[in-house]
N, C-alpha and C. Protein backbone atom coordinates (compact mmCIF):
# COMPACT_ATOMS: atom_id res chain seq x y z
N PRO A 1 0.67 -1.22 0.33
CA PRO A 1 -0.08 0.24 -0.11
C PRO A 1 1.05 1.46 -0.03
N GLU A 2 0.24 2.26 -0.78
CA GLU A 2 1.27 3.50 -1.04
C GLU A 2 0.01 4.65 -0.25
N ASP A 3 0.66 6.00 -0.44
CA ASP A 3 -0.19 7.00 -0.26
C ASP A 3 -1.22 7.07 -1.65
N TYR A 4 -2.19 7.83 -1.28
CA TYR A 4 -3.33 7.70 -2.30
C TYR A 4 -3.98 9.10 -2.29
N PHE A 5 -4.83 9.65 -3.37
CA PHE A 5 -5.78 10.63 -3.08
C PHE A 5 -7.20 10.23 -3.27
N ILE A 6 -7.91 11.14 -2.89
CA ILE A 6 -9.34 10.94 -2.80
C ILE A 6 -10.10 12.32 -3.23
N LEU A 7 -11.12 12.29 -4.34
CA LEU A 7 -11.69 13.59 -4.59
C LEU A 7 -13.18 13.26 -4.30
N HIS A 8 -13.75 13.65 -3.15
CA HIS A 8 -15.07 13.25 -2.38
C HIS A 8 -16.03 13.84 -3.39
N GLU A 9 -17.40 13.46 -3.12
CA GLU A 9 -18.30 13.91 -4.19
C GLU A 9 -18.66 15.56 -3.87
N ASP A 10 -18.24 16.31 -2.73
CA ASP A 10 -18.55 17.54 -2.53
C ASP A 10 -17.30 18.59 -3.00
N GLY A 11 -16.31 17.86 -3.71
CA GLY A 11 -15.14 18.50 -4.35
C GLY A 11 -13.84 18.40 -3.27
N ALA A 12 -14.00 18.05 -1.69
CA ALA A 12 -12.90 18.00 -1.15
C ALA A 12 -11.60 17.20 -1.67
N PHE A 13 -10.52 17.43 -1.69
CA PHE A 13 -9.42 16.76 -1.99
C PHE A 13 -8.88 16.35 -1.02
N LEU A 14 -8.40 14.95 -0.71
CA LEU A 14 -7.63 14.24 0.21
C LEU A 14 -6.43 13.80 -0.18
N VAL A 15 -5.26 13.76 0.61
CA VAL A 15 -4.40 12.64 0.51
C VAL A 15 -4.23 12.06 1.74
N LYS A 16 -4.12 10.50 1.49
CA LYS A 16 -3.92 9.67 2.65
C LYS A 16 -2.85 8.46 2.60
N ASP A 17 -2.25 8.25 3.66
CA ASP A 17 -1.20 7.45 3.77
C ASP A 17 -1.75 6.15 3.94
N GLU A 18 -0.42 5.06 3.89
CA GLU A 18 -0.95 3.80 3.73
C GLU A 18 -1.93 3.28 4.71
N ASP A 19 -1.97 3.98 6.12
CA ASP A 19 -2.68 3.54 7.28
C ASP A 19 -3.98 4.20 7.03
N ASP A 20 -4.27 4.81 6.21
CA ASP A 20 -5.60 5.79 5.83
C ASP A 20 -5.96 6.86 6.62
N GLU A 21 -4.77 7.28 7.11
CA GLU A 21 -4.80 8.54 7.88
C GLU A 21 -4.74 9.91 6.95
N ILE A 22 -5.23 11.08 7.06
CA ILE A 22 -5.30 12.18 6.44
C ILE A 22 -4.03 13.00 6.29
N MET A 23 -3.34 13.09 5.39
CA MET A 23 -2.06 13.78 5.49
C MET A 23 -2.03 15.07 4.85
N TRP A 24 -3.06 15.43 4.14
CA TRP A 24 -3.25 16.90 3.46
C TRP A 24 -4.70 16.80 3.06
N ALA A 25 -5.19 17.73 3.30
CA ALA A 25 -6.72 18.08 2.82
C ALA A 25 -7.02 19.42 2.33
N LYS A 26 -7.82 19.70 1.34
CA LYS A 26 -8.72 21.07 1.05
C LYS A 26 -9.86 20.90 0.60
N VAL A 27 -10.68 22.17 0.66
CA VAL A 27 -12.01 21.79 0.42
C VAL A 27 -12.27 22.77 -0.63
N SER A 28 -13.36 22.32 -1.72
CA SER A 28 -13.68 23.17 -3.14
C SER A 28 -14.03 24.43 -2.71
N THR A 29 -13.78 25.23 -3.53
CA THR A 29 -14.51 26.87 -3.31
C THR A 29 -15.76 26.89 -4.04
N TYR A 30 -16.14 25.89 -4.71
CA TYR A 30 -17.36 25.61 -5.42
C TYR A 30 -18.21 24.89 -4.70
N GLN A 31 -19.57 25.19 -4.98
CA GLN A 31 -20.50 24.19 -4.69
C GLN A 31 -20.83 23.19 -5.56
N MET A 32 -20.92 22.07 -5.08
CA MET A 32 -21.34 21.02 -6.15
C MET A 32 -21.92 20.03 -5.38
N GLU A 33 -22.37 19.14 -6.30
CA GLU A 33 -23.19 17.73 -5.67
C GLU A 33 -22.91 17.03 -6.68
N PRO A 34 -22.88 15.54 -6.23
CA PRO A 34 -22.40 14.17 -6.79
C PRO A 34 -23.82 14.21 -7.85
N SER A 35 -23.24 13.76 -9.01
CA SER A 35 -23.95 13.63 -10.36
C SER A 35 -24.03 12.42 -11.31
N ASN A 36 -24.74 11.64 -11.88
CA ASN A 36 -24.33 10.92 -12.70
C ASN A 36 -24.58 11.40 -14.04
N ASP A 37 -24.84 12.59 -14.12
CA ASP A 37 -25.32 13.31 -15.64
C ASP A 37 -24.12 13.72 -16.30
N CYS A 38 -23.06 13.45 -15.89
CA CYS A 38 -21.64 14.15 -16.61
C CYS A 38 -21.16 13.42 -17.78
N LEU A 39 -20.78 12.38 -17.80
CA LEU A 39 -20.28 11.45 -19.04
C LEU A 39 -20.48 10.02 -18.63
N ASP A 40 -20.92 9.48 -19.68
CA ASP A 40 -21.23 8.17 -19.64
C ASP A 40 -20.42 7.08 -18.85
N ASP A 41 -19.20 7.59 -18.77
CA ASP A 41 -18.21 6.56 -17.95
C ASP A 41 -17.84 7.65 -16.79
N PHE A 42 -18.13 8.58 -16.81
CA PHE A 42 -17.55 9.24 -15.12
C PHE A 42 -18.75 9.96 -14.46
N PRO A 43 -18.89 9.54 -13.18
CA PRO A 43 -19.93 10.50 -12.38
C PRO A 43 -19.29 11.68 -12.11
N CYS A 44 -20.07 12.91 -11.68
CA CYS A 44 -19.14 14.29 -11.23
C CYS A 44 -19.18 14.16 -9.78
N PRO A 45 -18.06 14.78 -9.42
CA PRO A 45 -17.52 15.31 -10.02
C PRO A 45 -16.04 14.52 -10.31
N TYR A 46 -15.24 14.89 -11.25
CA TYR A 46 -14.33 14.28 -11.59
C TYR A 46 -13.19 15.01 -12.46
N LEU A 47 -11.78 14.24 -12.38
CA LEU A 47 -10.71 15.37 -12.53
C LEU A 47 -10.45 14.86 -13.95
N HIS A 48 -9.85 15.82 -14.89
CA HIS A 48 -9.42 15.29 -16.16
C HIS A 48 -8.26 16.36 -16.17
N LEU A 49 -6.86 15.50 -16.85
CA LEU A 49 -5.89 16.28 -17.28
C LEU A 49 -5.56 16.48 -18.84
N HIS A 50 -5.81 17.46 -18.90
CA HIS A 50 -5.51 18.19 -20.65
C HIS A 50 -3.93 17.86 -21.17
N ARG A 51 -4.24 17.91 -22.48
CA ARG A 51 -2.67 17.50 -22.71
C ARG A 51 -1.88 18.52 -22.74
N ASP A 52 -2.10 19.84 -22.32
CA ASP A 52 -1.41 20.99 -22.50
C ASP A 52 -0.60 20.71 -20.63
N GLY A 53 -1.08 19.71 -19.91
CA GLY A 53 -0.93 19.81 -18.62
C GLY A 53 -1.45 20.24 -17.64
N VAL A 54 -2.75 21.15 -17.66
CA VAL A 54 -3.67 21.83 -16.65
C VAL A 54 -4.68 20.51 -16.41
N LEU A 55 -4.67 20.46 -15.11
CA LEU A 55 -5.81 19.49 -14.28
C LEU A 55 -6.99 20.22 -14.32
N VAL A 56 -7.93 19.77 -14.83
CA VAL A 56 -9.28 20.51 -14.41
C VAL A 56 -10.09 19.55 -13.52
N LEU A 57 -11.17 20.48 -12.82
CA LEU A 57 -12.21 19.67 -12.10
C LEU A 57 -13.69 19.91 -13.01
N ASN A 58 -14.28 18.91 -13.33
CA ASN A 58 -15.54 18.82 -13.71
C ASN A 58 -16.69 18.56 -12.71
N PHE A 59 -17.90 19.30 -12.78
CA PHE A 59 -18.60 19.12 -11.75
C PHE A 59 -19.88 19.82 -12.24
N ILE A 60 -20.86 19.65 -11.73
CA ILE A 60 -22.42 20.06 -11.87
C ILE A 60 -22.81 21.11 -10.66
N ASP A 61 -22.71 22.17 -10.99
CA ASP A 61 -23.02 23.30 -9.64
C ASP A 61 -24.26 22.79 -9.29
N GLU A 62 -24.70 23.99 -8.38
CA GLU A 62 -26.09 24.21 -7.39
C GLU A 62 -27.20 24.29 -8.45
N ASP A 63 -26.94 25.15 -9.54
CA ASP A 63 -27.98 25.20 -10.40
C ASP A 63 -28.09 24.31 -11.73
N ARG A 64 -27.50 22.89 -11.34
CA ARG A 64 -27.56 21.98 -12.11
C ARG A 64 -26.64 22.21 -13.52
N GLU A 65 -25.86 23.05 -13.51
CA GLU A 65 -25.10 23.47 -14.69
C GLU A 65 -23.61 23.02 -14.84
N TRP A 66 -23.21 22.36 -15.91
CA TRP A 66 -22.05 21.98 -16.04
C TRP A 66 -20.90 22.88 -15.85
N GLU A 67 -20.02 22.42 -15.29
CA GLU A 67 -18.77 23.79 -14.90
C GLU A 67 -17.49 22.92 -14.96
N THR A 68 -16.54 23.61 -15.69
CA THR A 68 -14.96 22.84 -15.56
C THR A 68 -14.12 23.92 -15.22
N LYS A 69 -13.18 23.80 -14.23
CA LYS A 69 -12.40 24.53 -13.58
C LYS A 69 -11.02 24.35 -13.37
N ASN A 70 -10.26 25.11 -13.67
CA ASN A 70 -8.83 24.88 -13.39
C ASN A 70 -8.75 24.26 -12.00
N PHE A 71 -8.05 23.16 -11.81
CA PHE A 71 -8.11 22.40 -10.67
C PHE A 71 -7.26 23.35 -9.44
N LYS A 72 -6.18 24.01 -9.82
CA LYS A 72 -5.36 24.87 -8.70
C LYS A 72 -6.52 26.04 -8.25
N HIS A 73 -7.48 26.34 -9.02
CA HIS A 73 -8.31 27.68 -8.47
C HIS A 73 -9.63 27.26 -7.61
N THR A 74 -9.69 25.64 -7.70
CA THR A 74 -10.94 25.36 -7.02
C THR A 74 -10.69 24.93 -5.52
N LEU A 75 -9.41 24.98 -4.83
CA LEU A 75 -9.38 24.69 -3.60
C LEU A 75 -8.81 25.69 -2.80
N PHE A 76 -9.33 25.66 -1.57
CA PHE A 76 -8.38 26.61 -0.53
C PHE A 76 -8.14 25.74 0.98
N ASP A 77 -7.44 26.01 1.44
CA ASP A 77 -7.13 25.51 2.84
C ASP A 77 -8.12 26.09 4.19
N LEU A 78 -8.65 24.82 4.61
CA LEU A 78 -9.68 25.07 5.72
C LEU A 78 -9.07 24.31 6.85
N GLY A 79 -8.00 23.77 6.86
CA GLY A 79 -7.27 22.74 7.82
C GLY A 79 -7.68 21.36 7.40
N TRP A 80 -7.86 20.66 8.50
CA TRP A 80 -7.91 19.09 8.18
C TRP A 80 -9.68 19.25 7.94
N TYR A 81 -9.78 18.30 7.18
CA TYR A 81 -11.27 17.94 6.48
C TYR A 81 -11.65 16.76 7.30
N ASP A 82 -12.98 17.19 7.99
CA ASP A 82 -13.96 16.20 8.78
C ASP A 82 -14.69 15.23 7.84
N GLU A 83 -14.38 13.85 7.94
CA GLU A 83 -14.86 12.85 6.99
C GLU A 83 -16.30 12.47 7.67
């Protein structure tokens, strides 16, 4: 087992160690809800790496609109994330 990351349904991003302990966490600056209405193969939210190296977060917002944002602009630090 190794360290791994999780993108929660609310857009929170966590890095956990091999013991499942949170090492680092950020909460999304956008309101989002889980949705199966994104793509056939991917429920929202999900991450997508563009060919130019930009990582984007795709999600459905509170108005049920499709959103795609540069991932580095979607997070801010609120300290540890409560699961």
